[in-house]
C-alpha atoms as a PDB file:
ATOM      1  CA  MET A   1     -17.321   6.476 -19.555  1.00  0.00           C
ATOM      2  CA  VAL A   2     -14.102   6.197 -21.548  1.00  0.00           C
ATOM      3  CA  PHE A   3     -11.393   8.785 -20.965  1.00  0.00           C
ATOM      4  CA  PRO A   4      -9.178   9.777 -23.889  1.00  0.00           C
ATOM      5  CA  GLU A   5      -5.556   8.666 -23.667  1.00  0.00           C
ATOM      6  CA  THR A   6      -3.983  12.084 -24.066  1.00  0.00           C
ATOM      7  CA  VAL A   7      -0.572  11.140 -22.685  1.00  0.00           C
ATOM      8  CA  VAL A   8       1.392   7.983 -23.430  1.00  0.00           C
ATOM      9  CA  MET A   9       3.253   6.746 -20.382  1.00  0.00           C
ATOM     10  CA  LYS A  10       6.410   4.778 -21.063  1.00  0.00           C
ATOM     11  CA  PHE A  11       7.355   2.251 -18.420  1.00  0.00           C
ATOM     12  CA  PRO A  12      10.797   0.673 -17.979  1.00  0.00           C
ATOM     13  CA  LYS A  13      11.112  -3.098 -17.586  1.00  0.00           C
ATOM     14  CA  THR A  14      11.653  -2.607 -13.852  1.00  0.00           C
ATOM     15  CA  VAL A  15       9.291  -0.184 -12.096  1.00  0.00           C
ATOM     16  CA  VAL A  16       9.762   1.223  -8.588  1.00  0.00           C
ATOM     17  CA  LEU A  17       6.489   1.907  -6.750  1.00  0.00           C
ATOM     18  CA  SER A  18       5.811   3.689  -3.455  1.00  0.00           C
ATOM     19  CA  ILE A  19       2.332   3.075  -2.034  1.00  0.00           C
ATOM     20  CA  THR A  20       1.281   5.599   0.617  1.00  0.00           C
ATOM     21  CA  LEU A  21      -2.491   5.058   0.485  1.00  0.00           C
ATOM     22  CA  HIS A  22      -4.751   3.488   3.100  1.00  0.00           C
ATOM     23  CA  GLY A  23      -4.797  -0.280   2.807  1.00  0.00           C
ATOM     24  CA  GLN A  24      -6.135  -3.511   4.205  1.00  0.00           C
ATOM     25  CA  MET A  25      -5.738  -7.266   3.978  1.00  0.00           C
ATOM     26  CA  SER A  26      -8.961  -9.029   3.085  1.00  0.00           C
ATOM     27  CA  VAL A  27      -9.527 -12.056   5.340  1.00  0.00           C
ATOM     28  CA  LYS A  28     -12.244 -14.682   4.894  1.00  0.00           C
ATOM     29  CA  ASN A  29     -12.616 -17.843   6.964  1.00  0.00           C
ATOM     30  CA  GLY A  30      -9.198 -17.306   8.468  1.00  0.00           C
ATOM     31  CA  ALA A  31      -7.369 -16.989   5.149  1.00  0.00           C
ATOM     32  CA  VAL A  32      -5.848 -13.885   3.571  1.00  0.00           C
ATOM     33  CA  ALA A  33      -6.734 -13.126  -0.059  1.00  0.00           C
ATOM     34  CA  GLU A  34      -3.883 -13.963  -2.423  1.00  0.00           C
ATOM     35  CA  PHE A  35      -3.126 -13.853  -6.126  1.00  0.00           C
ATOM     36  CA  THR A  36      -0.420 -15.377  -8.305  1.00  0.00           C
ATOM     37  CA  VAL A  37       2.432 -13.306  -9.688  1.00  0.00           C
ATOM     38  CA  PRO A  38       1.953 -13.375 -13.481  1.00  0.00           C
ATOM     39  CA  LYS A  39       4.212 -15.584 -15.563  1.00  0.00           C
ATOM     40  CA  GLY A  40       7.364 -13.745 -16.575  1.00  0.00           C
ATOM     41  CA  MET A  41       7.124 -11.157 -13.755  1.00  0.00           C
ATOM     42  CA  ARG A  42       8.930 -10.730 -10.414  1.00  0.00           C
ATOM     43  CA  ILE A  43       7.987  -8.599  -7.423  1.00  0.00           C
ATOM     44  CA  ILE A  44      10.241  -7.467  -4.588  1.00  0.00           C
ATOM     45  CA  LYS A  45       8.087  -6.125  -1.765  1.00  0.00           C
ATOM     46  CA  VAL A  46       9.367  -3.970   1.094  1.00  0.00           C
ATOM     47  CA  SER A  47       6.673  -3.574   3.739  1.00  0.00           C
ATOM     48  CA  ALA A  48       6.894  -0.900   6.425  1.00  0.00           C
ATOM     49  CA  VAL A  49       5.421  -3.174   9.102  1.00  0.00           C
ATOM     50  CA  ALA A  50       4.249  -6.720   9.757  1.00  0.00           C
ATOM     51  CA  PRO A  51       0.742  -7.870   8.755  1.00  0.00           C
ATOM     52  CA  GLY A  52      -1.989  -6.310  10.860  1.00  0.00           C
ATOM     53  CA  VAL A  53       0.256  -3.663  12.467  1.00  0.00           C
ATOM     54  CA  CYS A  54      -0.158   0.110  12.389  1.00  0.00           C
ATOM     55  CA  ASN A  55       2.675   2.212  10.975  1.00  0.00           C
ATOM     56  CA  VAL A  56       2.137   5.370  12.995  1.00  0.00           C
ATOM     57  CA  THR A  57       3.906   7.827  10.734  1.00  0.00           C
ATOM     58  CA  THR A  58       3.600  11.368   9.374  1.00  0.00           C
ATOM     59  CA  GLU A  59       3.491  13.066   5.983  1.00  0.00           C
ATOM     60  CA  LYS A  60       6.985  14.433   6.613  1.00  0.00           C
ATOM     61  CA  GLU A  61       8.378  10.961   7.217  1.00  0.00           C
ATOM     62  CA  ILE A  62       6.710   9.715   4.039  1.00  0.00           C
ATOM     63  CA  GLU A  63       8.300  12.552   2.071  1.00  0.00           C
ATOM     64  CA  THR A  64      11.724  11.781   3.534  1.00  0.00           C
ATOM     65  CA  ALA A  65      11.353   8.066   2.765  1.00  0.00           C
ATOM     66  CA  ASN A  66      10.355   8.691  -0.843  1.00  0.00           C
ATOM     67  CA  ALA A  67      13.229  11.151  -1.263  1.00  0.00           C
ATOM     68  CA  SER A  68      15.629   8.428  -0.112  1.00  0.00           C
ATOM     69  CA  ILE A  69      14.137   5.946  -2.574  1.00  0.00           C
ATOM     70  CA  ARG A  70      14.314   8.446  -5.440  1.00  0.00           C
ATOM     71  CA  GLU A  71      17.957   9.164  -4.696  1.00  0.00           C
ATOM     72  CA  VAL A  72      18.816   5.492  -5.210  1.00  0.00           C
ATOM     73  CA  PHE A  73      16.279   4.317  -7.790  1.00  0.00           C
ATOM     74  CA  ASN A  74      15.168   7.314  -9.862  1.00  0.00           C
ATOM     75  CA  SER A  75      16.713   6.123 -13.132  1.00  0.00           C
ATOM     76  CA  PRO A  76      14.507   4.076 -15.471  1.00  0.00           C
ATOM     77  CA  LYS A  77      17.684   2.559 -16.956  1.00  0.00           C
ATOM     78  CA  LEU A  78      18.749   0.733 -13.807  1.00  0.00           C
ATOM     79  CA  SER A  79      18.488  -3.034 -14.245  1.00  0.00           C
ATOM     80  CA  TYR A  80      16.614  -5.353 -11.894  1.00  0.00           C
ATOM     81  CA  GLU A  81      19.914  -6.768 -10.654  1.00  0.00           C
ATOM     82  CA  GLU A  82      21.269  -3.278  -9.915  1.00  0.00           C
ATOM     83  CA  LYS A  83      18.144  -2.381  -7.972  1.00  0.00           C
ATOM     84  CA  GLU A  84      18.403  -5.607  -5.997  1.00  0.00           C
ATOM     85  CA  SER A  85      22.055  -4.950  -5.083  1.00  0.00           C
ATOM     86  CA  LYS A  86      21.299  -1.408  -3.869  1.00  0.00           C
ATOM     87  CA  LEU A  87      18.291  -2.384  -1.784  1.00  0.00           C
ATOM     88  CA  ALA A  88      19.866  -3.538   1.488  1.00  0.00           C
ATOM     89  CA  SER A  89      21.515  -0.232   2.387  1.00  0.00           C
ATOM     90  CA  LEU A  90      18.372   1.710   1.421  1.00  0.00           C
ATOM     91  CA  VAL A  91      16.130  -0.473   3.596  1.00  0.00           C
ATOM     92  CA  GLN A  92      18.484   0.041   6.528  1.00  0.00           C
ATOM     93  CA  SER A  93      18.189   3.820   6.138  1.00  0.00           C
ATOM     94  CA  LEU A  94      14.381   3.521   6.039  1.00  0.00           C
ATOM     95  CA  LYS A  95      14.423   1.472   9.240  1.00  0.00           C
ATOM     96  CA  THR A  96      16.557   4.144  10.885  1.00  0.00           C
ATOM     97  CA  LEU A  97      14.072   6.794   9.802  1.00  0.00           C
ATOM     98  CA  GLU A  98      11.184   4.821  11.292  1.00  0.00           C
ATOM     99  CA  SER A  99      13.015   4.264  14.568  1.00  0.00           C
ATOM    100  CA  ASP A 100      13.130   8.030  15.025  1.00  0.00           C
ATOM    101  CA  THR A 101       9.382   7.937  15.712  1.00  0.00           C
ATOM    102  CA  THR A 102       9.748   5.547  18.669  1.00  0.00           C
ATOM    103  CA  ALA A 103      10.380   8.252  21.256  1.00  0.00           C
ATOM    104  CA  THR A 104       7.332  10.200  20.104  1.00  0.00           C
ATOM    105  CA  ILE A 105       5.126   7.124  20.307  1.00  0.00           C
ATOM    106  CA  ARG A 106       6.357   6.232  23.805  1.00  0.00           C
ATOM    107  CA  SER A 107       5.722   9.788  24.948  1.00  0.00           C
ATOM    108  CA  GLN A 108       2.139   9.721  23.683  1.00  0.00           C
ATOM    109  CA  LEU A 109       1.491   6.335  25.287  1.00  0.00           C
ATOM    110  CA  LYS A 110       2.157   7.919  28.680  1.00  0.00           C
ATOM    111  CA  THR A 111      -1.058   9.937  28.351  1.00  0.00           C
ATOM    112  CA  GLN A 112      -3.240   7.712  26.158  1.00  0.00           C
ATOM    113  CA  LYS A 113      -3.809   4.002  25.670  1.00  0.00           C
ATOM    114  CA  ASP A 114      -3.583   3.088  21.997  1.00  0.00           C
ATOM    115  CA  GLU A 115      -3.371  -0.504  20.751  1.00  0.00           C
ATOM    116  CA  ASP A 116      -2.132   0.525  17.304  1.00  0.00           C
ATOM    117  CA  MET A 117       0.818   2.398  18.773  1.00  0.00           C
ATOM    118  CA  LEU A 118       1.589  -0.502  21.114  1.00  0.00           C
ATOM    119  CA  ASN A 119       1.578  -2.943  18.208  1.00  0.00           C
ATOM    120  CA  MET A 120       3.865  -0.625  16.276  1.00  0.00           C
ATOM    121  CA  LEU A 121       6.409  -0.906  19.093  1.00  0.00           C
ATOM    122  CA  ARG A 122       5.886  -4.638  19.636  1.00  0.00           C
ATOM    123  CA  TYR A 123       6.486  -5.565  16.013  1.00  0.00           C
ATOM    124  CA  MET A 124       8.957  -2.875  14.955  1.00  0.00           C
ATOM    125  CA  ASP A 125      11.674  -5.499  14.490  1.00  0.00           C
ATOM    126  CA  ASN A 126       9.458  -7.139  11.857  1.00  0.00           C
ATOM    127  CA  GLY A 127       9.161  -3.939   9.829  1.00  0.00           C
ATOM    128  CA  PHE A 128      10.814  -3.284   6.489  1.00  0.00           C
ATOM    129  CA  LYS A 129      11.215  -6.965   5.672  1.00  0.00           C
ATOM    130  CA  VAL A 130      12.182  -7.622   2.055  1.00  0.00           C
ATOM    131  CA  VAL A 131      10.430 -10.510   0.304  1.00  0.00           C
ATOM    132  CA  GLN A 132      10.928 -11.547  -3.324  1.00  0.00           C
ATOM    133  CA  TYR A 133       7.978 -13.132  -5.118  1.00  0.00           C
ATOM    134  CA  GLU A 134       8.962 -15.060  -8.220  1.00  0.00           C
ATOM    135  CA  SER A 135       6.848 -15.724 -11.279  1.00  0.00           C
ATOM    136  CA  GLU A 136       3.736 -17.826 -10.644  1.00  0.00           C
ATOM    137  CA  LYS A 137       4.144 -17.675  -6.830  1.00  0.00           C
ATOM    138  CA  PRO A 138       1.417 -16.467  -4.398  1.00  0.00           C
ATOM    139  CA  ILE A 139       1.429 -12.975  -2.876  1.00  0.00           C
ATOM    140  CA  ILE A 140      -1.043 -11.232  -0.557  1.00  0.00           C
ATOM    141  CA  ASN A 141      -3.673  -9.370  -2.577  1.00  0.00           C
ATOM    142  CA  LYS A 142      -3.838  -6.201  -0.489  1.00  0.00           C
ATOM    143  CA  GLU A 143      -6.366  -3.449  -1.156  1.00  0.00           C
ATOM    144  CA  PHE A 144      -5.515   0.250  -1.369  1.00  0.00           C
ATOM    145  CA  GLY A 145      -7.572   3.450  -1.430  1.00  0.00           C
ATOM    146  CA  ARG A 146      -8.003   7.061  -0.363  1.00  0.00           C
ATOM    147  CA  SER A 147     -10.882   9.434   0.291  1.00  0.00           C
ATOM    148  CA  ASP A 148     -11.746  12.514  -1.728  1.00  0.00           C
ATOM    149  CA  GLY A 149      -9.372  15.365  -0.952  1.00  0.00           C
ATOM    150  CA  GLU A 150      -6.528  13.185   0.284  1.00  0.00           C
ATOM    151  CA  GLY A 151      -3.275  13.583  -1.621  1.00  0.00           C
ATOM    152  CA  LEU A 152      -4.039  17.052  -2.985  1.00  0.00           C
ATOM    153  CA  GLU A 153      -1.518  18.865  -0.801  1.00  0.00           C
ATOM    154  CA  SER A 154       1.390  16.423  -1.028  1.00  0.00           C
ATOM    155  CA  VAL A 155       3.400  15.057  -3.931  1.00  0.00           C
ATOM    156  CA  ASP A 156       4.107  11.864  -1.998  1.00  0.00           C
ATOM    157  CA  ASP A 157       1.228  11.149   0.361  1.00  0.00           C
ATOM    158  CA  TYR A 158      -1.906   9.103  -0.499  1.00  0.00           C
ATOM    159  CA  LYS A 159      -0.460   7.945  -3.819  1.00  0.00           C
ATOM    160  CA  ILE A 160       0.769   4.965  -5.791  1.00  0.00           C
ATOM    161  CA  THR A 161       3.803   6.735  -7.200  1.00  0.00           C
ATOM    162  CA  ALA A 162       5.904   5.238 -10.000  1.00  0.00           C
ATOM    163  CA  LEU A 163       9.161   6.758  -8.807  1.00  0.00           C
ATOM    164  CA  ASN A 164      11.350   5.883 -11.798  1.00  0.00           C
ATOM    165  CA  VAL A 165       8.806   6.664 -14.526  1.00  0.00           C
ATOM    166  CA  GLU A 166       8.867   9.999 -16.339  1.00  0.00           C
ATOM    167  CA  GLY A 167       6.592  12.449 -14.526  1.00  0.00           C
ATOM    168  CA  GLN A 168       6.303  10.054 -11.552  1.00  0.00           C
ATOM    169  CA  PRO A 169       2.580   9.389 -12.181  1.00  0.00           C
ATOM    170  CA  ASP A 170       0.070   8.422  -9.497  1.00  0.00           C
ATOM    171  CA  LEU A 171      -1.195   5.040 -10.699  1.00  0.00           C
ATOM    172  CA  HIS A 172      -4.222   5.112  -8.385  1.00  0.00           C
ATOM    173  CA  SER A 173      -5.698   8.065 -10.286  1.00  0.00           C
ATOM    174  CA  ASN A 174      -4.709   6.647 -13.673  1.00  0.00           C
ATOM    175  CA  ILE A 175      -6.180   3.204 -13.085  1.00  0.00           C
ATOM    176  CA  VAL A 176      -9.434   4.221 -11.372  1.00  0.00           C
ATOM    177  CA  SER A 177     -10.316   6.968 -13.852  1.00  0.00           C
ATOM    178  CA  GLU A 178      -9.461   4.792 -16.891  1.00  0.00           C
ATOM    179  CA  ARG A 179      -6.900   7.334 -18.026  1.00  0.00           C
ATOM    180  CA  TYR A 180      -4.218   5.774 -20.190  1.00  0.00           C
ATOM    181  CA  GLY A 181      -6.476   2.881 -21.148  1.00  0.00           C
ATOM    182  CA  ALA A 182      -6.798   1.162 -17.767  1.00  0.00           C
ATOM    183  CA  THR A 183      -9.868  -0.642 -19.073  1.00  0.00           C
ATOM    184  CA  ASN A 184      -9.472  -3.774 -16.957  1.00  0.00           C
ATOM    185  CA  THR A 185     -10.409  -1.812 -13.833  1.00  0.00           C
ATOM    186  CA  ARG A 186     -13.773  -0.616 -15.209  1.00  0.00           C
ATOM    187  CA  GLY A 187     -13.316   3.134 -14.904  1.00  0.00           C
ATOM    188  CA  SER A 188     -16.172   4.711 -13.005  1.00  0.00           C
ATOM    189  CA  THR A 189     -18.304   7.820 -13.170  1.00  0.00           C
ATOM    190  CA  LYS A 190     -18.022   7.990  -9.378  1.00  0.00           C
ATOM    191  CA  SER A 191     -15.260   9.973  -7.704  1.00  0.00           C
ATOM    192  CA  GLU A 192     -12.004   8.049  -7.415  1.00  0.00           C
ATOM    193  CA  GLY A 193     -12.037   8.429  -3.639  1.00  0.00           C
ATOM    194  CA  GLN A 194     -14.857   5.883  -3.471  1.00  0.00           C
ATOM    195  CA  TYR A 195     -12.705   3.081  -4.829  1.00  0.00           C
ATOM    196  CA  LEU A 196     -10.109   0.631  -3.604  1.00  0.00           C
ATOM    197  CA  LEU A 197      -7.672  -1.157  -5.881  1.00  0.00           C
ATOM    198  CA  ARG A 198      -6.355  -4.635  -5.331  1.00  0.00           C
ATOM    199  CA  LEU A 199      -2.630  -5.208  -5.744  1.00  0.00           C
ATOM    200  CA  SER A 200      -3.461  -7.682  -8.514  1.00  0.00           C
ATOM    201  CA  THR A 201      -5.081  -4.848 -10.490  1.00  0.00           C
ATOM    202  CA  ILE A 202      -1.957  -2.701 -10.189  1.00  0.00           C
ATOM    203  CA  VAL A 203       0.228  -5.614 -11.302  1.00  0.00           C
ATOM    204  CA  THR A 204      -2.034  -6.327 -14.291  1.00  0.00           C
ATOM    205  CA  PHE A 205      -1.926  -2.650 -15.293  1.00  0.00           C
ATOM    206  CA  LEU A 206       1.882  -2.783 -15.365  1.00  0.00           C
ATOM    207  CA  GLN A 207       2.005  -6.206 -17.023  1.00  0.00           C
ATOM    208  CA  GLU A 208      -0.055  -4.862 -19.928  1.00  0.00           C
ATOM    209  CA  ARG A 209       2.612  -2.178 -20.356  1.00  0.00           C
ATOM    210  CA  ASN A 210       5.382  -4.772 -20.650  1.00  0.00           C
ATOM    211  CA  VAL A 211       6.768  -4.296 -17.145  1.00  0.00           C
ATOM    212  CA  LYS A 212       8.662  -7.404 -16.023  1.00  0.00           C
ATOM    213  CA  ASN A 213       9.816  -6.478 -12.516  1.00  0.00           C
ATOM    214  CA  ILE A 214       8.240  -4.454  -9.700  1.00  0.00           C
ATOM    215  CA  LEU A 215      10.116  -3.091  -6.697  1.00  0.00           C
ATOM    216  CA  LEU A 216       7.327  -2.178  -4.288  1.00  0.00           C
ATOM    217  CA  PHE A 217       7.731  -0.053  -1.159  1.00  0.00           C
ATOM    218  CA  ASP A 218       4.517  -0.466   0.835  1.00  0.00           C
ATOM    219  CA  PHE A 219       3.882   2.255   3.425  1.00  0.00           C
ATOM    220  CA  SER A 220       0.153   1.509   3.475  1.00  0.00           C
ATOM    221  CA  CYS A 221      -1.976  -0.228   6.085  1.00  0.00           C
ATOM    222  CA  SER A 222      -2.380  -3.991   6.430  1.00  0.00           C
ATOM    223  CA  GLU A 223      -5.231  -4.210   8.896  1.00  0.00           C
ATOM    224  CA  MET A 224      -7.151  -7.456   8.689  1.00  0.00           C
ATOM    225  CA  THR A 225     -10.839  -7.315   7.841  1.00  0.00           C
ATOM    226  CA  GLU A 226     -11.981 -10.272   9.941  1.00  0.00           C
ATOM    227  CA  GLY A 227     -11.204 -12.153  13.132  1.00  0.00           C
ATOM    228  CA  SER A 228     -10.740 -11.639  16.847  1.00  0.00           C
ATOM    229  CA  GLU A 229      -7.526 -10.121  18.167  1.00  0.00           C
ATOM    230  CA  ARG A 230      -6.302 -13.631  18.944  1.00  0.00           C
ATOM    231  CA  ASP A 231      -7.134 -14.815  15.411  1.00  0.00           C
ATOM    232  CA  LYS A 232      -5.282 -11.852  13.951  1.00  0.00           C
ATOM    233  CA  ARG A 233      -2.206 -12.501  16.090  1.00  0.00           C
ATOM    234  CA  LEU A 234      -2.080 -16.130  14.975  1.00  0.00           C
ATOM    235  CA  LEU A 235      -2.584 -15.172  11.346  1.00  0.00           C
ATOM    236  CA  ARG A 236       0.148 -12.537  11.609  1.00  0.00           C
ATOM    237  CA  LEU A 237       2.599 -15.092  12.989  1.00  0.00           C
ATOM    238  CA  ASN A 238       1.695 -17.643  10.305  1.00  0.00           C
ATOM    239  CA  LEU A 239       2.089 -15.111   7.504  1.00  0.00           C
ATOM    240  CA  MET A 240       5.501 -14.014   8.764  1.00  0.00           C
ATOM    241  CA  LYS A 241       6.555 -17.648   9.192  1.00  0.00           C
ATOM    242  CA  GLU A 242       5.492 -18.399   5.616  1.00  0.00           C
ATOM    243  CA  GLY A 243       7.460 -15.425   4.287  1.00  0.00           C
ATOM    244  CA  PHE A 244       4.576 -13.085   3.517  1.00  0.00           C
ATOM    245  CA  ASN A 245       4.598  -9.439   4.555  1.00  0.00           C
ATOM    246  CA  GLY A 246       2.103  -6.616   4.796  1.00  0.00           C
ATOM    247  CA  GLY A 247       2.336  -2.940   5.768  1.00  0.00           C
ATOM    248  CA  LYS A 248       0.309  -0.098   7.170  1.00  0.00           C
ATOM    249  CA  LYS A 249       0.019   3.647   6.979  1.00  0.00           C
ATOM    250  CA  THR A 250      -2.224   5.532   9.393  1.00  0.00           C
ATOM    251  CA  GLU A 251      -3.707   8.980   9.206  1.00  0.00           C
ATOM    252  CA  THR A 252      -2.316  12.197  10.699  1.00  0.00           C
ATOM    253  CA  ARG A 253      -4.604  14.215  13.017  1.00  0.00           C
ATOM    254  CA  ARG A 254      -7.672  12.260  11.952  1.00  0.00           C
ATOM    255  CA  ARG A 255      -9.165   8.995  13.055  1.00  0.00           C
ATOM    256  CA  ARG A 256     -11.009   7.400  10.187  1.00  0.00           C
ATOM    257  CA  LYS A 257     -13.868   4.952  10.504  1.00  0.00           C
ATOM    258  CA  ARG A 258     -14.599   3.347   7.152  1.00  0.00           C
ATOM    259  CA  LEU A 259     -17.254   1.101   5.754  1.00  0.00           C
ATOM    260  CA  TYR A 260     -16.129  -1.222   2.991  1.00  0.00           C
ATOM    261  CA  GLY A 261     -18.521  -2.887   0.582  1.00  0.00           C
ATOM    262  CA  HIS A 262     -16.897  -5.462  -1.707  1.00  0.00           C
ATOM    263  CA  SER A 263     -17.680  -6.384  -5.293  1.00  0.00           C
ATOM    264  CA  LYS A 264     -16.401  -9.007  -7.704  1.00  0.00           C
ATOM    265  CA  ALA A 265     -14.599  -6.466  -9.853  1.00  0.00           C
ATOM    266  CA  ASN A 266     -11.163  -4.978  -9.293  1.00  0.00           C
ATOM    267  CA  THR A 267     -12.339  -1.819  -7.563  1.00  0.00           C
ATOM    268  CA  HIS A 268     -14.261  -1.638  -4.300  1.00  0.00           C
ATOM    269  CA  SER A 269     -16.571   0.923  -2.821  1.00  0.00           C
ATOM    270  CA  LEU A 270     -15.251   3.047   0.037  1.00  0.00           C
ATOM    271  CA  PHE A 271     -17.134   5.391   2.313  1.00  0.00           C
ATOM    272  CA  GLY A 272     -15.623   7.391   5.158  1.00  0.00           C
ATOM    273  CA  LYS A 273     -16.287   9.659   8.094  1.00  0.00           C
ATOM    274  CA  GLN A 274     -13.736  11.607  10.102  1.00  0.00           C
ATOM    275  CA  GLN A 275     -13.124  12.833  13.630  1.00  0.00           C
ATOM    276  CA  ALA A 276     -10.129  14.587  15.176  1.00  0.00           C
ATOM    277  CA  THR A 277      -7.143  12.789  16.664  1.00  0.00           C
ATOM    278  CA  ARG A 278      -3.521  13.659  17.361  1.00  0.00           C
ATOM    279  CA  ARG A 279      -1.720  11.001  15.335  1.00  0.00           C
ATOM    280  CA  ARG A 280      -1.928   9.478  11.886  1.00  0.00           C
ATOM    281  CA  LYS A 281      -4.362   6.677  12.649  1.00  0.00           C
ATOM    282  CA  HIS A 282      -7.523   5.032  11.407  1.00  0.00           C
ATOM    283  CA  SER A 283      -9.809   2.129  12.137  1.00  0.00           C
ATOM    284  CA  ARG A 284     -12.287   0.265   9.986  1.00  0.00           C
ATOM    285  CA  LYS A 285     -15.677  -1.298  10.319  1.00  0.00           C
ATOM    286  CA  ARG A 286     -16.676  -3.778   7.682  1.00  0.00           C
ATOM    287  CA  PRO A 287     -20.331  -4.230   6.636  1.00  0.00           C
ATOM    288  CA  SER A 288     -21.948  -7.025   4.691  1.00  0.00           C
ATOM    289  CA  ARG A 289     -20.710  -7.511   1.133  1.00  0.00           C
ATOM    290  CA  THR A 290     -22.527  -5.524  -1.517  1.00  0.00           C
ATOM    291  CA  SER A 291     -21.975  -4.978  -5.219  1.00  0.00           C
ATOM    292  CA  THR A 292     -20.924  -1.390  -5.808  1.00  0.00           C
ATOM    293  CA  ASN A 293     -19.252  -1.138  -9.209  1.00  0.00           C
ATOM    294  CA  PRO A 294     -21.078   0.615 -12.073  1.00  0.00           C
END
């Protein structure tokens, strides 16, 4: 199915993205999936937490974080150099915002044992690291997605929001549904909630619209799809040592168990089931690989 391009989105040379979807890092044989930053492009990535760590946050905190980013970077006319110079003070304010959740987490840990919350506290000092990926350099090819119904009640949550683009579009919806000519992602007749997007797909979408620089704030999850807890700890340390970073967002008042089936195309199948929980959390169970794209 081809969707008509009824609105023409105009992108500045430097685009500011906020990703608040669910996410994961695909691991195979002990290695994290990567891709190469396209020639002529640069990416600055700000990740909420270290690879493999839960960011136990709330919708309200996401809204406050995005409001802070908009206040600094809402103009499409700001140059890449200007954005870079303004970044340090903004990241510090985001770290302060996140630290406000520490007391709440510690209070909950008094009555429940939760490894995700413990990891959040253990690796909080490794959160909101800023890494610049130059042209033709490797970057982790994270995967992002949401389930049907998520993101309907919030302007900021469960989105890939282009914060300095007119109308602040949600690129997840645009790419998956093939709106605005996102033909490289093979738009589907299935509901968009059944699909994950790789970071490489998002970058290609912007590259085709003449974007040269991406400033990416990643509030999503960076759980690893394979390995024992020991393997994941070692991989986390190696990735941080090598200068890579990840991120994670969990799910408020719901614990999500998801089954992921992977395909060779840019979108992946996603199925979910829900049960109640007090904090924004989720876990994943990964089945055998299956082809799911239409």
